[in-house]
Amino acid sequence: MEKELRDRLENDPVLSGMIDERLYPMAAPETARGSVIVYEVYSSEVDRLYDGRDGEERVSVRFTAWDARYNKAKAIAKEINRLLDEFQGTIGNIEFLEIYRTAKFSNYDSGEKSYGQVLEYQLTYKEVI
């Protein structure tokens, strides 16, 4: 599911032009410069039926768009939201049944002198065989 989400974001010409492939799981490397997106899956639950799994999984994913300029971080977050909020469709072998934003807030890293725009999403998906 993470690979498919990355594909959705990295294959968009507007967003990829803004971040130049700087999309990282968990944390950006110390050598990363310019605009970056960091993402993490922070919760997951699997639906269970009496006869086992129904194949659907729900995860919560947090994306943080970082940039030295507040307005640039906001613009990147806006593009992430354009690509993900209310998206339904199949990417690779993952069918995204529902994606919706659950939170949005700002952050500032004084050590890095960088602004962050945080977006949290709830995703429901299943693997297509």
Protein backbone atom coordinates (compact mmCIF):
# COMPACT_ATOMS: atom_id res chain seq x y z
CA MET A 1 0.00 0.00 0.00
CA GLU A 2 2.87 2.41 0.76
CA LYS A 3 4.42 1.82 -2.66
CA GLU A 4 1.11 2.56 -4.37
CA LEU A 5 0.64 5.77 -2.38
CA ARG A 6 4.18 6.82 -3.28
CA ASP A 7 3.43 6.09 -6.94
CA ARG A 8 0.32 8.29 -6.82
CA LEU A 9 2.30 11.21 -5.38
CA GLU A 10 5.56 10.78 -7.30
CA ASN A 11 3.86 10.31 -10.68
CA ASP A 12 1.97 13.59 -10.46
CA PRO A 13 3.91 16.19 -12.49
CA VAL A 14 2.86 19.16 -10.33
CA LEU A 15 3.83 17.59 -7.01
CA SER A 16 6.97 15.88 -8.31
CA GLY A 17 8.10 19.23 -9.72
CA MET A 18 7.73 20.75 -6.27
CA ILE A 19 9.63 18.08 -4.32
CA ASP A 20 11.98 16.59 -6.94
CA GLU A 21 11.50 12.99 -5.67
CA ARG A 22 12.20 13.93 -2.03
CA LEU A 23 9.47 11.73 -0.51
CA TYR A 24 10.68 9.74 2.50
CA PRO A 25 9.24 7.22 4.96
CA MET A 26 9.54 8.17 8.65
CA ALA A 27 12.26 10.85 8.38
CA ALA A 28 14.17 12.78 5.75
CA PRO A 29 17.91 12.10 5.56
CA GLU A 30 20.11 14.79 7.08
CA THR A 31 21.48 15.52 3.61
CA ALA A 32 18.02 16.31 2.17
CA ARG A 33 17.72 19.92 1.04
CA GLY A 34 14.78 21.85 -0.35
CA SER A 35 11.15 20.81 -0.17
CA VAL A 36 10.51 17.34 1.23
CA ILE A 37 7.58 15.17 2.19
CA VAL A 38 7.85 12.71 5.07
CA TYR A 39 5.15 10.10 5.63
CA GLU A 40 4.41 7.46 8.22
CA VAL A 41 1.76 4.82 8.77
CA TYR A 42 0.85 5.14 12.43
CA SER A 43 -2.10 2.79 12.89
CA SER A 44 -3.63 -0.17 11.14
CA GLU A 45 -6.65 -2.38 11.65
CA VAL A 46 -7.89 -5.38 9.73
CA ASP A 47 -11.58 -6.18 9.41
CA ARG A 48 -12.45 -9.64 10.68
CA LEU A 49 -15.55 -11.65 9.93
CA TYR A 50 -16.69 -14.88 11.54
CA ASP A 51 -15.07 -16.82 8.73
CA GLY A 52 -11.81 -14.80 8.71
CA ARG A 53 -10.56 -11.60 7.11
CA ASP A 54 -12.71 -9.80 4.59
CA GLY A 55 -9.65 -8.46 2.82
CA GLU A 56 -10.12 -4.82 3.80
CA GLU A 57 -7.60 -2.94 5.91
CA ARG A 58 -7.77 0.54 7.41
CA VAL A 59 -4.64 2.54 8.06
CA SER A 60 -3.88 6.03 9.25
CA VAL A 61 -1.11 7.83 7.40
CA ARG A 62 0.52 11.16 8.24
CA PHE A 63 2.20 13.29 5.58
CA THR A 64 4.31 16.30 6.51
CA ALA A 65 5.37 18.76 3.82
CA TRP A 66 8.56 20.61 4.88
CA ASP A 67 10.10 23.72 3.39
CA ALA A 68 12.04 26.77 4.59
CA ARG A 69 9.17 28.88 3.21
CA TYR A 70 5.79 28.66 4.90
CA ASN A 71 3.82 29.32 1.71
CA LYS A 72 5.73 26.63 -0.20
CA ALA A 73 5.01 24.05 2.53
CA LYS A 74 1.31 25.01 2.32
CA ALA A 75 1.33 24.70 -1.49
CA ILE A 76 2.86 21.21 -1.28
CA ALA A 77 0.26 20.17 1.32
CA LYS A 78 -2.49 21.46 -0.98
CA GLU A 79 -1.19 19.23 -3.79
CA ILE A 80 -1.01 16.19 -1.50
CA ASN A 81 -4.62 16.80 -0.50
CA ARG A 82 -5.68 17.24 -4.14
CA LEU A 83 -4.23 13.82 -4.95
CA LEU A 84 -5.45 11.90 -1.90
CA ASP A 85 -8.59 13.34 -0.30
CA GLU A 86 -11.62 11.32 -1.42
CA PHE A 87 -9.54 9.32 -3.92
CA GLN A 88 -11.00 5.97 -4.96
CA GLY A 89 -9.35 3.73 -7.48
CA THR A 90 -6.80 1.03 -8.15
CA ILE A 91 -3.06 1.56 -8.25
CA GLY A 92 -1.00 -1.54 -8.97
CA ASN A 93 -2.63 -4.38 -7.05
CA ILE A 94 -4.19 -2.15 -4.37
CA GLU A 95 -7.78 -0.94 -4.58
CA PHE A 96 -8.29 2.18 -2.50
CA LEU A 97 -11.92 2.06 -1.37
CA GLU A 98 -11.83 5.30 0.56
CA ILE A 99 -9.29 7.97 1.49
CA TYR A 100 -10.26 10.97 3.54
CA ARG A 101 -8.38 13.62 5.50
CA THR A 102 -8.87 13.46 9.25
CA ALA A 103 -6.59 16.31 10.38
CA LYS A 104 -4.55 19.24 9.15
CA PHE A 105 -2.18 21.42 11.17
CA SER A 106 1.06 23.40 10.99
CA ASN A 107 4.43 22.75 12.58
CA TYR A 108 7.79 24.52 12.82
CA ASP A 109 11.21 22.94 13.36
CA SER A 110 13.41 25.65 14.88
CA GLY A 111 16.53 23.50 14.55
CA GLU A 112 16.04 23.07 10.82
CA LYS A 113 14.36 26.46 10.40
CA SER A 114 11.67 24.73 8.41
CA TYR A 115 7.88 24.93 8.27
CA GLY A 116 5.77 21.81 8.22
CA GLN A 117 2.23 21.29 7.02
CA VAL A 118 0.82 18.08 8.48
CA LEU A 119 -2.01 16.13 6.84
CA GLU A 120 -3.47 12.95 8.32
CA TYR A 121 -5.59 10.51 6.34
CA GLN A 122 -7.67 7.42 6.99
CA LEU A 123 -7.37 4.89 4.14
CA THR A 124 -9.47 1.81 3.49
CA TYR A 125 -8.04 -0.55 0.90
CA LYS A 126 -7.78 -4.15 -0.19
CA GLU A 127 -5.38 -6.14 -2.31
CA VAL A 128 -6.67 -7.04 -5.76
CA ILE A 129 -5.58 -10.46 -6.97
